[in-house]
Amino acid sequence: MAKVIGIAGSPRKKGNSTTLMQALLAAAEAAGAETSIVYLNELTFRGCQGCDPCTPDLTCRVTDELTGVLKAVGEADAWVLAAPIYFDGVSGQMKLFFDRLRHLTNDAGDHHPMLPGRRAAAVIVTYEDKPRQDYLNVARVLANYLAWMGDFGEVEILSAGRLGPADAAAARADLLQEAGDIGRKLMDRLAEA
């Protein structure tokens, strides 16, 4: 059974990015995946401490409440990263988390992907403003960095604007459908691997 992990970078459990991630995970689960969600805002953790070089295995030298999450993402077949855009970038929670993934790009100082096997991934970003290319590019940057960690193939991206109230996505059938479609697409990709 495929394992799909969702990483919620929003401080709101019912925020827009988390709502879309939950719709994606529900579709993946309906297609046979085992899914889980990590709410980063509930954890106390530090960002990357620049411990050059990183450990020569799939662990991070820093030990805190993120340690088990890093182990879980290393074992997951698919990742779903979801965060709101604040001040032209992902939330601080997601940025700290993403920085801590550096050990997955590093083997005794040589930068190359550490994760074995094929995987799948999606990045979801939400924001209040009108649809913006620069905010889509924020998601693309995260998606591109996943290739530094392993073979994620083409990373799916959902960039959604005009989501002002914290619960606006729950009323957007079009976005919920798009998220569900991405969840099914991730499962199709994993089945092909």
N, C-alpha and C. Protein backbone atom coordinates (compact mmCIF):
# COMPACT_ATOMS: atom_id res chain seq x y z
N MET A 1 0.85 -1.18 0.00
CA MET A 1 0.00 0.00 0.00
C MET A 1 0.89 1.24 0.00
N ALA A 2 0.59 2.17 -0.89
CA ALA A 2 1.37 3.40 -1.00
C ALA A 2 1.13 4.28 0.23
N LYS A 3 2.20 4.89 0.71
CA LYS A 3 2.12 5.82 1.85
C LYS A 3 2.23 7.24 1.31
N VAL A 4 1.22 8.06 1.62
CA VAL A 4 1.21 9.46 1.20
C VAL A 4 1.16 10.32 2.45
N ILE A 5 2.13 11.22 2.59
CA ILE A 5 2.18 12.08 3.77
C ILE A 5 1.92 13.53 3.37
N GLY A 6 1.06 14.17 4.13
CA GLY A 6 0.76 15.58 3.92
C GLY A 6 1.45 16.41 4.98
N ILE A 7 2.12 17.45 4.56
CA ILE A 7 2.80 18.36 5.48
C ILE A 7 2.07 19.70 5.41
N ALA A 8 1.36 20.03 6.49
CA ALA A 8 0.57 21.26 6.55
C ALA A 8 1.42 22.38 7.13
N GLY A 9 1.71 23.37 6.31
CA GLY A 9 2.53 24.50 6.75
C GLY A 9 1.73 25.69 7.20
N SER A 10 0.42 25.53 7.31
CA SER A 10 -0.43 26.63 7.76
C SER A 10 -0.59 26.58 9.27
N PRO A 11 -0.70 27.74 9.93
CA PRO A 11 -1.00 27.73 11.35
C PRO A 11 -2.46 27.36 11.62
N ARG A 12 -3.27 27.30 10.58
CA ARG A 12 -4.70 26.99 10.72
C ARG A 12 -5.00 25.57 10.23
N LYS A 13 -5.58 24.75 11.09
CA LYS A 13 -5.93 23.39 10.68
C LYS A 13 -7.04 23.37 9.64
N LYS A 14 -7.84 24.41 9.60
CA LYS A 14 -8.92 24.48 8.61
C LYS A 14 -8.67 25.60 7.62
N GLY A 15 -7.41 25.98 7.47
CA GLY A 15 -7.04 27.03 6.52
C GLY A 15 -7.16 26.52 5.09
N ASN A 16 -6.99 27.41 4.15
CA ASN A 16 -7.20 27.10 2.74
C ASN A 16 -6.21 26.06 2.20
N SER A 17 -4.94 26.22 2.47
CA SER A 17 -3.97 25.26 1.95
C SER A 17 -4.19 23.88 2.57
N THR A 18 -4.51 23.85 3.85
CA THR A 18 -4.76 22.57 4.53
C THR A 18 -6.03 21.91 4.00
N THR A 19 -7.06 22.70 3.75
CA THR A 19 -8.31 22.15 3.21
C THR A 19 -8.07 21.49 1.85
N LEU A 20 -7.31 22.14 1.00
CA LEU A 20 -7.02 21.55 -0.32
C LEU A 20 -6.15 20.31 -0.18
N MET A 21 -5.20 20.33 0.74
CA MET A 21 -4.37 19.16 0.98
C MET A 21 -5.23 17.99 1.47
N GLN A 22 -6.17 18.26 2.36
CA GLN A 22 -7.05 17.20 2.86
C GLN A 22 -7.89 16.60 1.74
N ALA A 23 -8.36 17.43 0.80
CA ALA A 23 -9.12 16.92 -0.35
C ALA A 23 -8.24 16.03 -1.21
N LEU A 24 -7.01 16.43 -1.42
CA LEU A 24 -6.06 15.63 -2.19
C LEU A 24 -5.81 14.29 -1.50
N LEU A 25 -5.55 14.34 -0.20
CA LEU A 25 -5.29 13.10 0.54
C LEU A 25 -6.50 12.18 0.58
N ALA A 26 -7.70 12.75 0.66
CA ALA A 26 -8.93 11.93 0.65
C ALA A 26 -9.05 11.17 -0.66
N ALA A 27 -8.73 11.84 -1.77
CA ALA A 27 -8.78 11.17 -3.07
C ALA A 27 -7.71 10.08 -3.17
N ALA A 28 -6.53 10.35 -2.65
CA ALA A 28 -5.47 9.34 -2.66
C ALA A 28 -5.86 8.13 -1.80
N GLU A 29 -6.47 8.41 -0.65
CA GLU A 29 -6.91 7.32 0.22
C GLU A 29 -8.00 6.49 -0.45
N ALA A 30 -8.93 7.16 -1.13
CA ALA A 30 -9.99 6.44 -1.86
C ALA A 30 -9.41 5.57 -2.96
N ALA A 31 -8.24 5.96 -3.47
CA ALA A 31 -7.56 5.19 -4.52
C ALA A 31 -6.63 4.12 -3.93
N GLY A 32 -6.66 3.94 -2.60
CA GLY A 32 -5.91 2.86 -1.97
C GLY A 32 -4.70 3.24 -1.16
N ALA A 33 -4.43 4.51 -0.98
CA ALA A 33 -3.24 4.93 -0.23
C ALA A 33 -3.50 4.93 1.27
N GLU A 34 -2.43 4.78 2.01
CA GLU A 34 -2.43 5.03 3.45
C GLU A 34 -1.94 6.47 3.60
N THR A 35 -2.75 7.32 4.21
CA THR A 35 -2.39 8.75 4.28
C THR A 35 -2.21 9.19 5.73
N SER A 36 -1.42 10.23 5.88
CA SER A 36 -1.22 10.85 7.19
C SER A 36 -0.96 12.34 6.98
N ILE A 37 -1.23 13.13 8.03
CA ILE A 37 -1.02 14.57 7.98
C ILE A 37 -0.17 14.99 9.17
N VAL A 38 0.80 15.84 8.90
CA VAL A 38 1.60 16.46 9.95
C VAL A 38 1.27 17.95 9.95
N TYR A 39 0.86 18.45 11.10
CA TYR A 39 0.59 19.88 11.26
C TYR A 39 1.82 20.51 11.90
N LEU A 40 2.63 21.15 11.06
CA LEU A 40 3.91 21.70 11.55
C LEU A 40 3.73 22.68 12.68
N ASN A 41 2.62 23.40 12.69
CA ASN A 41 2.40 24.42 13.72
C ASN A 41 2.25 23.82 15.12
N GLU A 42 1.99 22.53 15.20
CA GLU A 42 1.85 21.85 16.50
C GLU A 42 3.19 21.37 17.05
N LEU A 43 4.24 21.50 16.26
CA LEU A 43 5.55 20.98 16.65
C LEU A 43 6.50 22.12 17.05
N THR A 44 7.42 21.79 17.92
CA THR A 44 8.49 22.72 18.26
C THR A 44 9.77 22.18 17.61
N PHE A 45 10.31 22.96 16.68
CA PHE A 45 11.50 22.51 15.98
C PHE A 45 12.30 23.70 15.47
N ARG A 46 13.56 23.42 15.18
CA ARG A 46 14.47 24.44 14.66
C ARG A 46 14.70 24.22 13.17
N GLY A 47 15.18 25.25 12.52
CA GLY A 47 15.57 25.14 11.12
C GLY A 47 16.92 24.44 11.01
N CYS A 48 17.40 24.32 9.79
CA CYS A 48 18.71 23.71 9.53
C CYS A 48 19.78 24.48 10.30
N GLN A 49 20.69 23.76 10.92
CA GLN A 49 21.76 24.37 11.70
C GLN A 49 23.09 24.38 10.95
N GLY A 50 23.08 23.99 9.68
CA GLY A 50 24.30 24.02 8.87
C GLY A 50 25.39 23.12 9.41
N CYS A 51 25.05 21.92 9.82
CA CYS A 51 26.01 20.98 10.41
C CYS A 51 26.87 20.32 9.35
N ASP A 52 27.55 21.08 8.55
CA ASP A 52 28.32 20.49 7.44
C ASP A 52 29.40 19.56 7.94
N PRO A 53 29.54 18.37 7.38
CA PRO A 53 28.56 17.83 6.46
C PRO A 53 27.39 17.21 7.21
N CYS A 54 26.29 17.02 6.48
CA CYS A 54 25.14 16.31 7.07
C CYS A 54 25.56 14.87 7.34
N THR A 55 24.73 14.14 8.05
CA THR A 55 25.04 12.74 8.35
C THR A 55 25.09 11.94 7.06
N PRO A 56 25.84 10.86 7.03
CA PRO A 56 25.94 10.06 5.81
C PRO A 56 24.77 9.09 5.63
N ASP A 57 23.70 9.26 6.38
CA ASP A 57 22.53 8.41 6.19
C ASP A 57 21.30 9.31 6.04
N LEU A 58 20.13 8.76 6.15
CA LEU A 58 18.90 9.52 5.93
C LEU A 58 18.37 10.17 7.20
N THR A 59 19.26 10.63 8.07
CA THR A 59 18.83 11.31 9.29
C THR A 59 19.44 12.70 9.34
N CYS A 60 18.82 13.53 10.15
CA CYS A 60 19.32 14.89 10.38
C CYS A 60 19.99 14.89 11.75
N ARG A 61 21.08 15.63 11.90
CA ARG A 61 21.80 15.69 13.17
C ARG A 61 20.99 16.36 14.28
N VAL A 62 20.08 17.26 13.92
CA VAL A 62 19.28 17.99 14.90
C VAL A 62 18.18 17.06 15.41
N THR A 63 18.03 16.98 16.72
CA THR A 63 17.00 16.15 17.32
C THR A 63 15.97 17.05 18.01
N ASP A 64 14.74 16.99 17.54
CA ASP A 64 13.64 17.75 18.13
C ASP A 64 12.33 17.11 17.70
N GLU A 65 11.23 17.81 17.80
CA GLU A 65 9.93 17.21 17.47
C GLU A 65 9.76 16.95 15.97
N LEU A 66 10.66 17.42 15.15
CA LEU A 66 10.60 17.15 13.71
C LEU A 66 11.31 15.85 13.34
N THR A 67 12.09 15.29 14.24
CA THR A 67 12.89 14.10 13.94
C THR A 67 12.04 12.95 13.41
N GLY A 68 10.95 12.63 14.07
CA GLY A 68 10.07 11.55 13.60
C GLY A 68 9.40 11.86 12.28
N VAL A 69 9.10 13.13 12.06
CA VAL A 69 8.48 13.54 10.79
C VAL A 69 9.46 13.34 9.64
N LEU A 70 10.71 13.70 9.85
CA LEU A 70 11.72 13.51 8.81
C LEU A 70 11.89 12.04 8.46
N LYS A 71 11.80 11.19 9.46
CA LYS A 71 11.86 9.74 9.21
C LYS A 71 10.65 9.31 8.38
N ALA A 72 9.47 9.83 8.73
CA ALA A 72 8.24 9.46 8.02
C ALA A 72 8.25 9.92 6.56
N VAL A 73 8.76 11.13 6.30
CA VAL A 73 8.80 11.58 4.90
C VAL A 73 9.80 10.74 4.10
N GLY A 74 10.87 10.31 4.75
CA GLY A 74 11.83 9.46 4.07
C GLY A 74 11.24 8.11 3.68
N GLU A 75 10.25 7.66 4.42
CA GLU A 75 9.61 6.37 4.16
C GLU A 75 8.38 6.49 3.26
N ALA A 76 7.87 7.70 3.05
CA ALA A 76 6.65 7.90 2.28
C ALA A 76 6.90 7.77 0.78
N ASP A 77 5.91 7.26 0.08
CA ASP A 77 5.98 7.12 -1.37
C ASP A 77 5.63 8.43 -2.08
N ALA A 78 4.80 9.24 -1.42
CA ALA A 78 4.40 10.53 -2.00
C ALA A 78 4.31 11.57 -0.90
N TRP A 79 4.69 12.79 -1.26
CA TRP A 79 4.63 13.93 -0.34
C TRP A 79 3.66 14.96 -0.89
N VAL A 80 2.91 15.58 0.03
CA VAL A 80 2.06 16.71 -0.32
C VAL A 80 2.45 17.85 0.62
N LEU A 81 3.03 18.90 0.07
CA LEU A 81 3.45 20.05 0.85
C LEU A 81 2.44 21.16 0.62
N ALA A 82 1.84 21.68 1.68
CA ALA A 82 0.80 22.70 1.54
C ALA A 82 1.07 23.85 2.49
N ALA A 83 1.03 25.08 1.95
CA ALA A 83 1.31 26.25 2.78
C ALA A 83 0.65 27.49 2.18
N PRO A 84 0.29 28.42 3.05
CA PRO A 84 -0.14 29.72 2.55
C PRO A 84 1.08 30.54 2.14
N ILE A 85 0.85 31.51 1.28
CA ILE A 85 1.90 32.46 0.92
C ILE A 85 1.76 33.66 1.84
N TYR A 86 2.83 33.97 2.56
CA TYR A 86 2.91 35.15 3.41
C TYR A 86 4.10 35.98 2.94
N PHE A 87 3.91 37.25 2.69
CA PHE A 87 5.00 38.14 2.30
C PHE A 87 5.87 37.54 1.20
N ASP A 88 5.22 37.08 0.14
CA ASP A 88 5.87 36.59 -1.08
C ASP A 88 6.64 35.28 -0.91
N GLY A 89 6.37 34.52 0.13
CA GLY A 89 6.99 33.22 0.31
C GLY A 89 6.10 32.32 1.15
N VAL A 90 6.46 31.05 1.23
CA VAL A 90 5.67 30.13 2.05
C VAL A 90 5.79 30.51 3.52
N SER A 91 4.88 30.03 4.31
CA SER A 91 4.89 30.30 5.74
C SER A 91 6.21 29.91 6.37
N GLY A 92 6.54 30.52 7.50
CA GLY A 92 7.77 30.20 8.22
C GLY A 92 7.84 28.74 8.61
N GLN A 93 6.71 28.17 8.99
CA GLN A 93 6.68 26.76 9.38
C GLN A 93 7.18 25.87 8.22
N MET A 94 6.67 26.14 7.01
CA MET A 94 7.07 25.33 5.86
C MET A 94 8.52 25.60 5.49
N LYS A 95 8.95 26.83 5.58
CA LYS A 95 10.34 27.15 5.23
C LYS A 95 11.32 26.43 6.17
N LEU A 96 11.03 26.47 7.49
CA LEU A 96 11.90 25.76 8.44
C LEU A 96 11.92 24.26 8.16
N PHE A 97 10.74 23.69 7.89
CA PHE A 97 10.65 22.27 7.57
C PHE A 97 11.49 21.95 6.33
N PHE A 98 11.27 22.73 5.28
CA PHE A 98 11.95 22.45 4.02
C PHE A 98 13.46 22.56 4.17
N ASP A 99 13.92 23.55 4.93
CA ASP A 99 15.35 23.67 5.17
C ASP A 99 15.91 22.44 5.87
N ARG A 100 15.12 21.85 6.74
CA ARG A 100 15.59 20.66 7.46
C ARG A 100 15.68 19.43 6.57
N LEU A 101 15.17 19.49 5.36
CA LEU A 101 15.28 18.37 4.43
C LEU A 101 16.65 18.34 3.74
N ARG A 102 17.50 19.29 4.06
CA ARG A 102 18.80 19.40 3.41
C ARG A 102 19.60 18.10 3.49
N HIS A 103 19.47 17.38 4.59
CA HIS A 103 20.24 16.14 4.73
C HIS A 103 19.90 15.12 3.65
N LEU A 104 18.75 15.29 3.00
CA LEU A 104 18.37 14.37 1.93
C LEU A 104 19.05 14.71 0.61
N THR A 105 19.82 15.78 0.58
CA THR A 105 20.56 16.18 -0.62
C THR A 105 22.05 16.00 -0.44
N ASN A 106 22.45 15.45 0.68
CA ASN A 106 23.85 15.54 1.06
C ASN A 106 24.40 14.21 1.53
N ASP A 107 25.48 13.78 0.93
CA ASP A 107 26.17 12.57 1.38
C ASP A 107 27.62 12.95 1.63
N ALA A 108 27.96 13.15 2.89
CA ALA A 108 29.33 13.52 3.29
C ALA A 108 29.85 14.72 2.50
N GLY A 109 29.00 15.71 2.33
CA GLY A 109 29.41 16.94 1.67
C GLY A 109 29.17 16.98 0.17
N ASP A 110 28.88 15.84 -0.45
CA ASP A 110 28.58 15.80 -1.88
C ASP A 110 27.07 15.93 -2.06
N HIS A 111 26.66 16.92 -2.80
CA HIS A 111 25.22 17.12 -2.99
C HIS A 111 24.68 16.24 -4.11
N HIS A 112 23.90 15.27 -3.71
CA HIS A 112 23.17 14.44 -4.66
C HIS A 112 21.99 13.81 -3.93
N PRO A 113 20.95 13.39 -4.66
CA PRO A 113 19.75 12.84 -4.02
C PRO A 113 20.05 11.63 -3.16
N MET A 114 19.49 11.63 -1.97
CA MET A 114 19.70 10.53 -1.03
C MET A 114 18.54 9.53 -0.99
N LEU A 115 17.35 9.95 -1.42
CA LEU A 115 16.19 9.07 -1.33
C LEU A 115 16.20 8.03 -2.45
N PRO A 116 16.12 6.75 -2.10
CA PRO A 116 16.10 5.71 -3.14
C PRO A 116 14.70 5.55 -3.73
N GLY A 117 14.64 5.06 -4.95
CA GLY A 117 13.36 4.72 -5.57
C GLY A 117 12.60 5.92 -6.12
N ARG A 118 11.52 5.59 -6.84
CA ARG A 118 10.66 6.62 -7.42
C ARG A 118 9.59 7.03 -6.43
N ARG A 119 9.25 8.30 -6.46
CA ARG A 119 8.23 8.86 -5.58
C ARG A 119 7.36 9.81 -6.39
N ALA A 120 6.38 10.37 -5.72
CA ALA A 120 5.50 11.37 -6.33
C ALA A 120 5.32 12.50 -5.32
N ALA A 121 4.94 13.67 -5.81
CA ALA A 121 4.76 14.80 -4.90
C ALA A 121 3.84 15.84 -5.49
N ALA A 122 3.29 16.65 -4.58
CA ALA A 122 2.47 17.80 -4.96
C ALA A 122 2.80 18.94 -4.02
N VAL A 123 2.75 20.16 -4.54
CA VAL A 123 2.93 21.36 -3.75
C VAL A 123 1.69 22.22 -3.92
N ILE A 124 1.10 22.63 -2.79
CA ILE A 124 -0.08 23.48 -2.79
C ILE A 124 0.26 24.79 -2.11
N VAL A 125 -0.03 25.90 -2.78
CA VAL A 125 0.11 27.22 -2.16
C VAL A 125 -1.20 27.98 -2.35
N THR A 126 -1.59 28.71 -1.31
CA THR A 126 -2.81 29.52 -1.37
C THR A 126 -2.49 30.92 -0.88
N TYR A 127 -3.30 31.88 -1.35
CA TYR A 127 -3.07 33.27 -0.99
C TYR A 127 -4.32 34.09 -1.26
N GLU A 128 -4.36 35.30 -0.71
CA GLU A 128 -5.53 36.16 -0.83
C GLU A 128 -5.59 36.93 -2.13
N ASP A 129 -4.47 37.30 -2.69
CA ASP A 129 -4.39 38.15 -3.86
C ASP A 129 -4.95 37.45 -5.11
N LYS A 130 -5.08 38.20 -6.19
CA LYS A 130 -5.47 37.62 -7.48
C LYS A 130 -4.41 36.60 -7.89
N PRO A 131 -4.72 35.70 -8.81
CA PRO A 131 -3.71 34.74 -9.26
C PRO A 131 -2.46 35.47 -9.75
N ARG A 132 -1.32 35.02 -9.26
CA ARG A 132 -0.05 35.69 -9.55
C ARG A 132 1.00 34.69 -9.99
N GLN A 133 1.72 35.04 -11.04
CA GLN A 133 2.78 34.20 -11.56
C GLN A 133 3.91 34.03 -10.54
N ASP A 134 4.24 35.11 -9.82
CA ASP A 134 5.34 35.01 -8.86
C ASP A 134 5.00 34.06 -7.71
N TYR A 135 3.72 33.96 -7.34
CA TYR A 135 3.34 33.01 -6.29
C TYR A 135 3.35 31.57 -6.82
N LEU A 136 2.97 31.40 -8.07
CA LEU A 136 3.12 30.09 -8.70
C LEU A 136 4.59 29.69 -8.71
N ASN A 137 5.45 30.66 -8.97
CA ASN A 137 6.89 30.38 -8.98
C ASN A 137 7.42 29.95 -7.61
N VAL A 138 6.83 30.45 -6.53
CA VAL A 138 7.22 30.00 -5.19
C VAL A 138 7.01 28.49 -5.09
N ALA A 139 5.86 28.01 -5.56
CA ALA A 139 5.58 26.57 -5.54
C ALA A 139 6.54 25.81 -6.45
N ARG A 140 6.84 26.39 -7.60
CA ARG A 140 7.75 25.73 -8.54
C ARG A 140 9.15 25.58 -7.95
N VAL A 141 9.59 26.57 -7.20
CA VAL A 141 10.91 26.47 -6.57
C VAL A 141 10.97 25.28 -5.62
N LEU A 142 9.95 25.13 -4.77
CA LEU A 142 9.92 23.98 -3.87
C LEU A 142 9.90 22.67 -4.67
N ALA A 143 9.07 22.64 -5.71
CA ALA A 143 8.96 21.43 -6.54
C ALA A 143 10.31 21.08 -7.16
N ASN A 144 11.02 22.09 -7.65
CA ASN A 144 12.33 21.83 -8.26
C ASN A 144 13.34 21.29 -7.26
N TYR A 145 13.30 21.80 -6.03
CA TYR A 145 14.25 21.32 -5.02
C TYR A 145 14.01 19.86 -4.64
N LEU A 146 12.81 19.35 -4.84
CA LEU A 146 12.56 17.94 -4.51
C LEU A 146 13.46 17.03 -5.34
N ALA A 147 13.80 17.44 -6.55
CA ALA A 147 14.69 16.63 -7.39
C ALA A 147 16.09 16.53 -6.78
N TRP A 148 16.44 17.45 -5.90
CA TRP A 148 17.73 17.37 -5.21
C TRP A 148 17.73 16.26 -4.17
N MET A 149 16.53 15.78 -3.80
CA MET A 149 16.39 14.78 -2.73
C MET A 149 16.14 13.38 -3.26
N GLY A 150 15.49 13.28 -4.41
CA GLY A 150 15.15 11.98 -4.96
C GLY A 150 14.42 12.11 -6.28
N ASP A 151 13.97 10.98 -6.80
CA ASP A 151 13.26 10.94 -8.08
C ASP A 151 11.76 11.11 -7.82
N PHE A 152 11.30 12.35 -7.87
CA PHE A 152 9.88 12.65 -7.68
C PHE A 152 9.15 12.82 -9.01
N GLY A 153 9.85 12.69 -10.12
CA GLY A 153 9.22 12.89 -11.42
C GLY A 153 8.66 14.30 -11.51
N GLU A 154 7.57 14.44 -12.25
CA GLU A 154 6.93 15.75 -12.39
C GLU A 154 6.09 16.02 -11.14
N VAL A 155 6.42 17.07 -10.43
CA VAL A 155 5.70 17.42 -9.21
C VAL A 155 4.45 18.22 -9.59
N GLU A 156 3.32 17.81 -9.06
CA GLU A 156 2.06 18.51 -9.33
C GLU A 156 2.00 19.78 -8.48
N ILE A 157 1.46 20.85 -9.06
CA ILE A 157 1.35 22.12 -8.35
C ILE A 157 -0.07 22.64 -8.42
N LEU A 158 -0.56 23.08 -7.27
CA LEU A 158 -1.85 23.76 -7.18
C LEU A 158 -1.59 25.10 -6.51
N SER A 159 -1.71 26.18 -7.28
CA SER A 159 -1.50 27.53 -6.80
C SER A 159 -2.84 28.24 -6.90
N ALA A 160 -3.42 28.62 -5.75
CA ALA A 160 -4.78 29.16 -5.74
C ALA A 160 -4.85 30.52 -5.06
N GLY A 161 -5.32 31.51 -5.80
CA GLY A 161 -5.49 32.85 -5.27
C GLY A 161 -6.94 33.17 -4.99
N ARG A 162 -7.17 34.40 -4.58
CA ARG A 162 -8.51 34.89 -4.23
C ARG A 162 -9.15 34.05 -3.13
N LEU A 163 -8.34 33.66 -2.17
CA LEU A 163 -8.84 32.88 -1.04
C LEU A 163 -8.64 33.70 0.24
N GLY A 164 -9.41 34.76 0.35
CA GLY A 164 -9.28 35.69 1.46
C GLY A 164 -9.64 35.12 2.81
N PRO A 165 -10.88 34.78 3.07
CA PRO A 165 -11.18 34.21 4.38
C PRO A 165 -10.46 32.88 4.58
N ALA A 166 -10.15 32.58 5.82
CA ALA A 166 -9.37 31.37 6.15
C ALA A 166 -10.05 30.09 5.68
N ASP A 167 -11.36 30.10 5.51
CA ASP A 167 -12.08 28.89 5.12
C ASP A 167 -12.67 28.97 3.71
N ALA A 168 -12.17 29.87 2.88
CA ALA A 168 -12.72 30.09 1.55
C ALA A 168 -12.61 28.86 0.65
N ALA A 169 -11.54 28.10 0.77
CA ALA A 169 -11.34 26.94 -0.11
C ALA A 169 -12.41 25.88 0.08
N ALA A 170 -12.97 25.79 1.27
CA ALA A 170 -14.00 24.78 1.54
C ALA A 170 -15.24 24.99 0.68
N ALA A 171 -15.45 26.20 0.20
CA ALA A 171 -16.61 26.52 -0.62
C ALA A 171 -16.28 26.55 -2.11
N ARG A 172 -15.05 26.22 -2.48
CA ARG A 172 -14.63 26.27 -3.87
C ARG A 172 -14.58 24.87 -4.45
N ALA A 173 -15.72 24.43 -5.01
CA ALA A 173 -15.81 23.09 -5.58
C ALA A 173 -14.77 22.86 -6.67
N ASP A 174 -14.45 23.90 -7.44
CA ASP A 174 -13.46 23.76 -8.51
C ASP A 174 -12.09 23.41 -7.96
N LEU A 175 -11.69 24.08 -6.88
CA LEU A 175 -10.38 23.81 -6.29
C LEU A 175 -10.35 22.46 -5.57
N LEU A 176 -11.43 22.12 -4.91
CA LEU A 176 -11.50 20.81 -4.24
C LEU A 176 -11.42 19.69 -5.27
N GLN A 177 -12.07 19.88 -6.41
CA GLN A 177 -12.01 18.89 -7.49
C GLN A 177 -10.59 18.79 -8.04
N GLU A 178 -9.95 19.95 -8.26
CA GLU A 178 -8.57 19.95 -8.76
C GLU A 178 -7.63 19.23 -7.79
N ALA A 179 -7.81 19.48 -6.51
CA ALA A 179 -6.99 18.80 -5.50
C ALA A 179 -7.22 17.29 -5.54
N GLY A 180 -8.48 16.88 -5.64
CA GLY A 180 -8.79 15.46 -5.74
C GLY A 180 -8.20 14.82 -6.98
N ASP A 181 -8.25 15.54 -8.10
CA ASP A 181 -7.66 15.04 -9.34
C ASP A 181 -6.15 14.82 -9.16
N ILE A 182 -5.50 15.75 -8.48
CA ILE A 182 -4.06 15.61 -8.24
C ILE A 182 -3.78 14.39 -7.36
N GLY A 183 -4.61 14.17 -6.35
CA GLY A 183 -4.45 12.99 -5.49
C GLY A 183 -4.54 11.70 -6.29
N ARG A 184 -5.49 11.63 -7.20
CA ARG A 184 -5.63 10.44 -8.04
C ARG A 184 -4.44 10.31 -9.00
N LYS A 185 -3.96 11.44 -9.51
CA LYS A 185 -2.82 11.43 -10.42
C LYS A 185 -1.56 10.91 -9.71
N LEU A 186 -1.38 11.34 -8.46
CA LEU A 186 -0.22 10.84 -7.71
C LEU A 186 -0.29 9.32 -7.55
N MET A 187 -1.46 8.81 -7.28
CA MET A 187 -1.62 7.36 -7.11
C MET A 187 -1.37 6.63 -8.43
N ASP A 188 -1.83 7.21 -9.55
CA ASP A 188 -1.55 6.60 -10.86
C ASP A 188 -0.05 6.54 -11.11
N ARG A 189 0.66 7.61 -10.78
CA ARG A 189 2.10 7.64 -10.98
C ARG A 189 2.81 6.57 -10.14
N LEU A 190 2.36 6.42 -8.89
CA LEU A 190 2.97 5.42 -8.02
C LEU A 190 2.70 4.01 -8.55
N ALA A 191 1.52 3.80 -9.13
CA ALA A 191 1.19 2.48 -9.67
C ALA A 191 2.06 2.16 -10.88
N GLU A 192 2.49 3.18 -11.62
CA GLU A 192 3.33 2.99 -12.80
C GLU A 192 4.79 2.72 -12.43
N ALA A 193 5.18 3.15 -11.24
CA ALA A 193 6.60 3.06 -10.83
C ALA A 193 7.04 1.63 -10.60
